Amino acid sequence: MGTEAAAARPRAVGKPAIWDARGVLLMSWAHFAHDLYPSFLGVLVPAIQAKLGVSLFWASAMVPAQQLPSIVQPFLGYVADRTSRRWFVVLSPAVAALALSSIGIAPHFAVVLVLLLVSGLASAAFHAPAVALVGEFGGQRLGRAMAIFMAGGELARTVAPILLTAVIAHFTLDGMPLVMLVGLAASATLFLRLRTEASDAIARRHAGQVQLWRLIRERQRPFIGLLGSVVANTAAVTPPSFFLVEYLLQRGRSEWYGGLALSAFYASGIIGGLVGGSLSDWVGRRGALLLSSLGTAPLLALYLAIENGSWLMLPLLVLIGVFATPPRSVTLALANDIAPEARGPLSGFALAISFVAQSIIALAFGAVAEAIGIERAFWLTVGASLAGVPFALLIPATMGRSPSSTG
């Protein structure tokens, strides 16, 4: 009985919304362990390009290879709601660890792409069920719960570039299998601690009653606002997330400086996600998204104008990330707000749009960078976040505000 009480249990739909800190932290740990591996891509793109002798355009195909499988996230969210979310969440970190950690010893670029596809399927299987569980753990503090959950992913993106740069420096790419231990440990922890039987039973009962497309049609305006905000923010953060190291290397900076710069950008996501998600519980999802859109563009333009390879540039990258990254947690909370009776499918849909947009934008950026140069290509992304403003305005001002803030 003590073990049962200690294990994380999400709250079922229809029961009082109760904040479950233990469950939120467990899911944040799972998110960290899973996202550590796809976060290697920023360092892997130039490393694989050099090792296997492929062009930047073909190396940029690594991003869609890892992200495109996420197009099936709505389907997997649908299946998880009708079966059990537990196994989707438990197994995914281990699968991602095994696949990504094997890329360093892949003999051909085709094998690299296959391993990335496997990792992408693990990501698709993890995120929608995990977000649904976090939505239940969060209760009325949904924005804060999503922020803590996303902080785990942002911490992974912060650690990953430095970790992989160190592994490559000491063991070359052949030493990458060493880093799979984190994902294996996370899956073992989740197997022992995560219990979802009661939640799964309620979710299965409600799943048969929910008509997702009818819900989307009825809530069309905020749904369009959600998807537009996701795409605009993805367009703003994808180039620095995957090509900042390449940009700095072409400007004559060292690999270590590039890795630290990328880590600084990712580290800021921890702050941005926590502040933005919690802020959205207070000012509403629309207010948080507007603040992010209006703050990111000028800061990115300033960085590109004055970047000189000094350590003083790193705090500016942190500030950019603080403004650019909150929509990742805010939009997931918004998906739960729009259709709390269909958390898994709608969260999966929003995540799928994000990952597919990321794939398309990364591939397009690689092609444009080869055609006009990576520095000019970065300048083209400066205004991307501003495209999110009209979509944020479609979201009701009060959506996401806690009762205490609206009263």
Protein backbone atom coordinates (compact mmCIF):
# COMPACT_ATOMS: atom_id res chain seq x y z
CA MET A 1 0.00 0.00 0.00
CA GLY A 2 2.90 2.38 0.78
CA THR A 3 4.45 1.72 -2.60
CA GLU A 4 1.11 2.29 -4.29
CA ALA A 5 0.70 5.63 -2.54
CA ALA A 6 4.23 6.67 -3.39
CA ALA A 7 3.88 5.87 -7.07
CA ALA A 8 2.81 8.70 -9.33
CA ARG A 9 -0.88 8.56 -10.20
CA PRO A 10 -2.55 11.06 -12.52
CA ARG A 11 -5.95 12.46 -11.56
CA ALA A 12 -8.81 11.11 -13.59
CA VAL A 13 -10.99 13.32 -15.74
CA GLY A 14 -14.01 14.52 -13.82
CA LYS A 15 -12.41 14.35 -10.37
CA PRO A 16 -11.33 17.48 -8.49
CA ALA A 17 -8.27 19.10 -10.08
CA ILE A 18 -5.43 18.57 -7.60
CA TRP A 19 -1.84 19.67 -8.02
CA ASP A 20 0.42 16.58 -7.93
CA ALA A 21 4.03 17.78 -7.63
CA ARG A 22 5.42 14.22 -7.49
CA GLY A 23 3.79 13.30 -10.77
CA VAL A 24 4.84 16.51 -12.51
CA LEU A 25 8.48 16.06 -11.43
CA LEU A 26 8.51 12.42 -12.52
CA MET A 27 7.27 13.40 -15.97
CA SER A 28 9.82 16.23 -16.14
CA TRP A 29 12.58 13.69 -15.44
CA ALA A 30 11.20 11.47 -18.20
CA HIS A 31 11.14 14.46 -20.56
CA PHE A 32 14.77 15.28 -19.73
CA ALA A 33 15.94 11.73 -20.33
CA HIS A 34 14.06 11.43 -23.61
CA ASP A 35 14.87 14.85 -25.10
CA LEU A 36 18.56 14.56 -24.27
CA TYR A 37 19.01 12.44 -27.40
CA PRO A 38 17.29 14.43 -30.17
CA SER A 39 19.04 17.48 -28.65
CA PHE A 40 22.35 16.06 -29.91
CA LEU A 41 21.42 17.08 -33.46
CA GLY A 42 22.84 20.60 -33.25
CA VAL A 43 26.30 19.10 -32.67
CA LEU A 44 25.76 15.98 -34.79
CA VAL A 45 24.89 17.85 -38.01
CA PRO A 46 28.41 19.31 -38.56
CA ALA A 47 30.09 16.23 -37.04
CA ILE A 48 28.33 13.75 -39.34
CA GLN A 49 28.78 16.14 -42.26
CA ALA A 50 32.54 16.06 -41.68
CA LYS A 51 32.81 12.32 -40.94
CA LEU A 52 30.71 11.05 -43.84
CA GLY A 53 31.48 13.85 -46.30
CA VAL A 54 27.91 14.97 -47.04
CA SER A 55 26.81 18.48 -48.00
CA LEU A 56 25.08 20.86 -45.57
CA PHE A 57 21.82 20.35 -47.44
CA TRP A 58 21.97 16.57 -46.99
CA ALA A 59 23.18 16.93 -43.41
CA SER A 60 20.18 19.17 -42.72
CA ALA A 61 17.99 16.20 -43.77
CA MET A 62 18.90 14.70 -40.39
CA VAL A 63 16.42 17.09 -38.78
CA PRO A 64 13.31 16.01 -40.77
CA ALA A 65 14.39 12.37 -40.49
CA GLN A 66 14.17 12.72 -36.72
CA GLN A 67 11.11 14.99 -36.65
CA LEU A 68 8.78 13.80 -39.44
CA PRO A 69 7.68 10.59 -37.66
CA SER A 70 5.98 12.92 -35.19
CA ILE A 71 3.24 13.41 -37.76
CA VAL A 72 1.66 10.28 -36.26
CA GLN A 73 1.43 11.84 -32.77
CA PRO A 74 -2.32 12.53 -32.97
CA PHE A 75 -2.89 8.88 -33.87
CA LEU A 76 -0.62 7.67 -31.06
CA GLY A 77 -2.36 10.01 -28.62
CA TYR A 78 -5.66 8.51 -29.77
CA VAL A 79 -4.34 4.96 -29.28
CA ALA A 80 -2.81 5.78 -25.88
CA ASP A 81 -6.13 7.19 -24.64
CA ARG A 82 -7.79 3.91 -25.63
CA THR A 83 -5.14 1.53 -24.28
CA SER A 84 -2.55 2.63 -21.71
CA ARG A 85 -0.41 5.75 -21.65
CA ARG A 86 2.04 4.05 -19.29
CA TRP A 87 3.90 1.86 -21.77
CA PHE A 88 4.22 4.65 -24.33
CA VAL A 89 5.93 6.82 -21.73
CA VAL A 90 7.98 4.05 -20.08
CA LEU A 91 9.62 2.62 -23.22
CA SER A 92 10.28 5.75 -25.26
CA PRO A 93 13.38 7.09 -23.43
CA ALA A 94 15.17 3.75 -23.79
CA VAL A 95 14.35 3.46 -27.51
CA ALA A 96 15.50 7.05 -28.17
CA ALA A 97 18.71 6.39 -26.23
CA LEU A 98 19.55 3.23 -28.16
CA ALA A 99 18.85 4.80 -31.55
CA LEU A 100 20.56 8.19 -31.15
CA SER A 101 23.56 6.83 -29.28
CA SER A 102 24.28 4.47 -32.18
CA ILE A 103 24.58 7.24 -34.79
CA GLY A 104 28.24 7.85 -33.99
CA ILE A 105 29.16 4.34 -35.13
CA ALA A 106 26.89 4.31 -38.20
CA PRO A 107 28.99 3.45 -41.30
CA HIS A 108 26.75 5.17 -43.89
CA PHE A 109 24.52 8.23 -44.00
CA ALA A 110 21.53 6.03 -44.86
CA VAL A 111 21.99 4.21 -41.53
CA VAL A 112 22.09 7.57 -39.76
CA LEU A 113 18.73 8.46 -41.30
CA VAL A 114 17.19 5.12 -40.30
CA LEU A 115 18.34 5.54 -36.69
CA LEU A 116 16.90 9.05 -36.66
CA LEU A 117 13.57 7.72 -37.94
CA VAL A 118 13.48 5.21 -35.08
CA SER A 119 14.24 7.99 -32.62
CA GLY A 120 11.49 10.08 -34.18
CA LEU A 121 8.96 7.29 -33.66
CA ALA A 122 10.03 7.05 -30.02
CA SER A 123 9.49 10.79 -29.70
CA ALA A 124 6.04 10.53 -31.27
CA ALA A 125 5.12 7.72 -28.87
CA PHE A 126 6.34 9.69 -25.83
CA HIS A 127 5.13 13.24 -26.14
CA ALA A 128 1.35 13.09 -26.62
CA PRO A 129 0.68 10.60 -23.76
CA ALA A 130 3.20 12.41 -21.54
CA VAL A 131 1.56 15.79 -22.11
CA ALA A 132 -1.85 14.29 -21.34
CA LEU A 133 -0.56 12.90 -18.05
CA VAL A 134 1.05 16.21 -17.13
CA GLY A 135 -2.28 17.92 -17.84
CA GLU A 136 -3.91 15.64 -15.27
CA PHE A 137 -1.10 15.99 -12.73
CA GLY A 138 -1.21 19.79 -13.04
CA GLY A 139 -4.80 20.32 -11.94
CA GLN A 140 -5.64 24.03 -11.94
CA ARG A 141 -1.95 24.96 -12.20
CA LEU A 142 -1.78 23.68 -15.75
CA GLY A 143 0.56 26.36 -17.04
CA ARG A 144 3.01 25.74 -14.21
CA ALA A 145 2.85 21.97 -14.71
CA MET A 146 3.59 22.31 -18.44
CA ALA A 147 6.39 24.74 -17.65
CA ILE A 148 8.06 22.27 -15.27
CA PHE A 149 7.56 19.44 -17.75
CA MET A 150 9.08 21.54 -20.55
CA ALA A 151 11.92 22.60 -18.25
CA GLY A 152 13.02 18.98 -18.25
CA GLY A 153 13.26 19.08 -22.03
CA GLU A 154 15.02 22.45 -22.01
CA LEU A 155 17.53 21.18 -19.44
CA ALA A 156 18.22 18.25 -21.76
CA ARG A 157 18.83 20.65 -24.65
CA THR A 158 21.16 22.64 -22.41
CA VAL A 159 23.23 19.66 -21.31
CA ALA A 160 23.24 17.77 -24.62
CA PRO A 161 25.60 19.98 -26.71
CA ILE A 162 28.25 20.14 -23.99
CA LEU A 163 27.91 16.44 -23.17
CA LEU A 164 28.20 15.33 -26.78
CA THR A 165 31.01 17.80 -27.56
CA ALA A 166 32.96 16.36 -24.59
CA VAL A 167 32.29 12.76 -25.66
CA ILE A 168 33.41 13.46 -29.24
CA ALA A 169 36.51 15.33 -28.01
CA HIS A 170 37.61 12.47 -25.76
CA PHE A 171 36.29 9.36 -27.52
CA THR A 172 35.38 10.58 -31.06
CA LEU A 173 31.97 9.77 -32.50
CA ASP A 174 32.67 6.08 -31.82
CA GLY A 175 32.20 6.79 -28.10
CA MET A 176 28.58 7.91 -28.44
CA PRO A 177 27.07 4.60 -27.15
CA LEU A 178 28.28 5.64 -23.68
CA VAL A 179 25.51 8.22 -23.39
CA MET A 180 22.64 5.74 -23.73
CA LEU A 181 22.72 5.02 -19.98
CA VAL A 182 20.55 8.04 -19.10
CA GLY A 183 17.63 6.89 -21.25
CA LEU A 184 17.86 3.33 -19.99
CA ALA A 185 17.85 4.57 -16.38
CA ALA A 186 14.81 6.75 -17.03
CA SER A 187 12.80 3.88 -18.49
CA ALA A 188 13.67 1.75 -15.47
CA THR A 189 12.55 4.54 -13.10
CA LEU A 190 9.27 5.03 -14.97
CA PHE A 191 8.60 1.30 -14.99
CA LEU A 192 8.91 1.23 -11.21
CA ARG A 193 7.21 4.53 -10.31
CA LEU A 194 4.55 5.43 -12.88
CA ARG A 195 1.07 3.98 -12.38
CA THR A 196 -1.78 5.02 -14.68
CA GLU A 197 -4.38 2.25 -14.30
CA ALA A 198 -7.14 4.45 -12.84
CA SER A 199 -6.49 7.28 -15.28
CA ASP A 200 -6.38 4.89 -18.23
CA ALA A 201 -9.76 3.44 -17.30
CA ILE A 202 -11.36 6.90 -17.18
CA ALA A 203 -9.61 7.99 -20.39
CA ARG A 204 -10.84 4.89 -22.24
CA ARG A 205 -14.40 5.56 -21.13
CA HIS A 206 -14.30 9.21 -22.21
CA ALA A 207 -12.39 8.43 -25.42
CA GLY A 208 -15.36 6.55 -26.82
CA GLN A 209 -17.59 9.59 -26.25
CA VAL A 210 -15.32 12.27 -27.73
CA GLN A 211 -15.69 13.32 -31.37
CA LEU A 212 -12.43 15.19 -31.95
CA TRP A 213 -13.28 16.83 -35.26
CA ARG A 214 -16.55 18.13 -33.87
CA LEU A 215 -14.68 19.65 -30.94
CA ILE A 216 -12.21 21.29 -33.31
CA ARG A 217 -15.00 22.76 -35.43
CA GLU A 218 -16.79 24.09 -32.36
CA ARG A 219 -13.58 25.67 -31.04
CA GLN A 220 -12.16 26.64 -34.41
CA ARG A 221 -10.95 30.15 -33.55
CA PRO A 222 -8.65 29.27 -30.61
CA PHE A 223 -7.58 26.11 -32.45
CA ILE A 224 -6.36 28.17 -35.43
CA GLY A 225 -4.67 30.52 -32.99
CA LEU A 226 -2.95 27.55 -31.39
CA LEU A 227 -1.63 26.08 -34.63
CA GLY A 228 -0.54 29.43 -36.05
CA SER A 229 1.33 30.26 -32.85
CA VAL A 230 3.04 26.87 -32.93
CA VAL A 231 4.24 27.32 -36.52
CA ALA A 232 5.40 30.92 -36.05
CA ASN A 233 7.37 30.09 -32.92
CA THR A 234 8.88 27.02 -34.59
CA ALA A 235 10.06 29.18 -37.49
CA ALA A 236 11.76 31.51 -35.03
CA VAL A 237 13.57 28.90 -32.89
CA THR A 238 14.50 26.19 -35.44
CA PRO A 239 17.50 27.93 -37.08
CA PRO A 240 19.29 28.76 -33.81
CA SER A 241 18.37 25.35 -32.37
CA PHE A 242 19.95 23.33 -35.19
CA PHE A 243 22.28 25.63 -37.11
CA LEU A 244 23.79 28.01 -34.54
CA VAL A 245 26.92 25.85 -34.22
CA GLU A 246 27.37 25.74 -38.01
CA TYR A 247 26.80 29.51 -38.20
CA LEU A 248 29.48 30.17 -35.58
CA LEU A 249 31.94 27.70 -37.12
CA GLN A 250 31.63 29.45 -40.49
CA ARG A 251 32.35 32.74 -38.73
CA GLY A 252 35.61 31.27 -37.42
CA ARG A 253 34.56 30.37 -33.88
CA SER A 254 35.78 27.17 -32.19
CA GLU A 255 33.73 24.01 -31.76
CA TRP A 256 33.79 24.49 -27.99
CA TYR A 257 32.50 28.05 -28.32
CA GLY A 258 29.75 26.85 -30.66
CA GLY A 259 28.71 24.12 -28.24
CA LEU A 260 28.65 26.52 -25.30
CA ALA A 261 26.68 29.09 -27.31
CA LEU A 262 24.08 26.48 -28.18
CA SER A 263 23.92 25.38 -24.55
CA ALA A 264 23.42 28.99 -23.47
CA PHE A 265 20.50 29.31 -25.86
CA TYR A 266 18.98 26.06 -24.61
CA ALA A 267 19.64 26.93 -20.94
CA SER A 268 17.57 30.06 -21.36
CA GLY A 269 14.68 27.83 -22.34
CA ILE A 270 14.52 26.54 -18.77
CA ILE A 271 13.97 30.08 -17.50
CA GLY A 272 11.72 31.06 -20.39
CA GLY A 273 9.56 27.98 -20.10
CA LEU A 274 9.13 28.21 -16.33
CA VAL A 275 8.41 31.94 -16.39
CA GLY A 276 6.25 31.83 -19.51
CA GLY A 277 4.16 28.84 -18.45
CA SER A 278 3.53 30.20 -14.98
CA LEU A 279 2.92 33.71 -16.38
CA SER A 280 0.28 32.31 -18.72
CA ASP A 281 -1.72 31.11 -15.68
CA TRP A 282 -1.82 34.74 -14.60
CA VAL A 283 -2.12 36.86 -17.78
CA GLY A 284 -3.66 34.16 -19.99
CA ARG A 285 -2.18 32.16 -22.86
CA ARG A 286 -2.68 35.01 -25.35
CA GLY A 287 -0.75 37.53 -23.28
CA ALA A 288 2.20 35.18 -22.83
CA LEU A 289 2.33 34.37 -26.56
CA LEU A 290 2.18 38.05 -27.55
CA LEU A 291 5.03 38.93 -25.20
CA SER A 292 7.16 36.17 -26.71
CA SER A 293 6.46 37.16 -30.32
CA LEU A 294 7.14 40.86 -29.79
CA GLY A 295 10.33 40.31 -27.82
CA THR A 296 12.14 37.68 -29.88
CA ALA A 297 12.63 39.44 -33.25
CA PRO A 298 14.51 42.55 -32.11
CA LEU A 299 16.78 40.57 -29.81
CA LEU A 300 17.72 38.11 -32.55
CA ALA A 301 18.41 41.00 -34.94
CA LEU A 302 20.67 42.60 -32.33
CA TYR A 303 22.62 39.37 -31.88
CA LEU A 304 23.21 38.92 -35.60
CA ALA A 305 24.31 42.55 -35.94
CA ILE A 306 26.92 42.49 -33.17
CA GLU A 307 28.04 38.81 -32.90
CA ASN A 308 31.83 38.89 -32.49
CA GLY A 309 32.74 35.57 -30.87
CA SER A 310 33.19 37.05 -27.40
CA TRP A 311 31.80 35.57 -24.20
CA LEU A 312 29.64 38.68 -23.84
CA MET A 313 27.44 37.29 -26.62
CA LEU A 314 26.30 34.39 -24.47
CA PRO A 315 24.09 36.47 -22.12
CA LEU A 316 22.38 37.92 -25.19
CA LEU A 317 21.66 34.40 -26.45
CA VAL A 318 20.18 33.61 -23.04
CA LEU A 319 17.91 36.65 -23.29
CA ILE A 320 16.78 35.61 -26.78
CA GLY A 321 15.89 32.17 -25.49
CA VAL A 322 13.99 33.58 -22.50
CA PHE A 323 11.67 35.36 -24.93
CA ALA A 324 11.61 32.72 -27.70
CA THR A 325 10.96 29.50 -25.78
CA PRO A 326 7.85 30.13 -23.57
CA PRO A 327 5.40 29.17 -26.37
CA ARG A 328 6.55 25.56 -26.13
CA SER A 329 4.91 25.17 -22.73
CA VAL A 330 2.18 27.77 -23.28
CA THR A 331 0.83 26.11 -26.44
CA LEU A 332 0.72 22.70 -24.78
CA ALA A 333 -1.25 24.18 -21.90
CA LEU A 334 -3.47 25.89 -24.47
CA ALA A 335 -4.14 22.56 -26.21
CA ASN A 336 -5.34 21.19 -22.87
CA ASP A 337 -7.48 24.30 -22.33
CA ILE A 338 -9.18 23.99 -25.72
CA ALA A 339 -10.19 20.34 -25.31
CA PRO A 340 -9.60 18.94 -21.80
CA GLU A 341 -11.78 15.96 -22.73
CA ALA A 342 -9.35 15.03 -25.52
CA ARG A 343 -5.95 15.89 -24.05
CA GLY A 344 -3.97 13.15 -25.80
CA PRO A 345 -5.15 13.60 -29.40
CA LEU A 346 -5.16 17.40 -29.39
CA SER A 347 -1.79 17.66 -27.65
CA GLY A 348 -0.48 15.14 -30.17
CA PHE A 349 -1.89 17.22 -33.01
CA ALA A 350 -0.19 20.39 -31.75
CA LEU A 351 3.09 18.53 -31.24
CA ALA A 352 2.87 16.94 -34.68
CA ILE A 353 2.41 20.35 -36.30
CA SER A 354 5.42 21.64 -34.36
CA PHE A 355 7.69 18.76 -35.35
CA VAL A 356 6.59 18.71 -39.01
CA ALA A 357 7.03 22.48 -39.26
CA GLN A 358 10.44 22.10 -37.68
CA SER A 359 11.42 19.51 -40.27
CA ILE A 360 10.27 21.60 -43.22
CA ILE A 361 11.86 24.77 -41.88
CA ALA A 362 15.17 23.03 -41.12
CA LEU A 363 15.37 21.52 -44.60
CA ALA A 364 14.40 24.83 -46.23
CA PHE A 365 16.92 26.69 -44.11
CA GLY A 366 19.68 24.28 -45.14
CA ALA A 367 18.86 24.82 -48.82
CA VAL A 368 18.66 28.61 -48.46
CA ALA A 369 21.90 28.70 -46.45
CA GLU A 370 23.71 26.83 -49.21
CA ALA A 371 22.30 29.20 -51.83
CA ILE A 372 22.89 32.58 -50.17
CA GLY A 373 25.11 31.83 -47.18
CA ILE A 374 24.15 30.89 -43.64
CA GLU A 375 24.51 34.43 -42.26
CA ARG A 376 22.02 35.89 -44.73
CA ALA A 377 19.72 32.93 -44.12
CA PHE A 378 19.70 33.72 -40.40
CA TRP A 379 18.66 37.28 -41.11
CA LEU A 380 15.61 35.95 -42.94
CA THR A 381 14.36 34.36 -39.72
CA VAL A 382 14.40 37.57 -37.68
CA GLY A 383 10.78 38.48 -38.38
CA ALA A 384 9.41 34.95 -38.11
CA SER A 385 8.21 35.32 -34.55
CA LEU A 386 6.18 38.42 -35.46
CA ALA A 387 3.98 36.20 -37.60
CA GLY A 388 2.63 34.77 -34.38
CA VAL A 389 0.99 38.04 -33.31
CA PRO A 390 -2.23 37.77 -35.41
CA PHE A 391 -2.66 34.13 -34.40
CA ALA A 392 -2.24 34.91 -30.70
CA LEU A 393 -5.00 37.51 -31.05
CA LEU A 394 -7.41 34.74 -32.07
CA ILE A 395 -7.09 33.20 -28.61
CA PRO A 396 -9.59 34.46 -25.97
CA ALA A 397 -7.86 36.83 -23.55
CA THR A 398 -9.08 34.89 -20.51
CA MET A 399 -8.15 31.42 -21.74
CA GLY A 400 -5.72 29.82 -19.35
CA ARG A 401 -6.11 32.36 -16.57
CA SER A 402 -6.56 30.84 -13.14
CA PRO A 403 -9.75 31.76 -11.26
CA SER A 404 -7.76 33.85 -8.77
CA SER A 405 -6.26 35.99 -11.54
CA THR A 406 -9.52 36.57 -13.38
CA GLY A 407 -11.48 37.41 -10.29
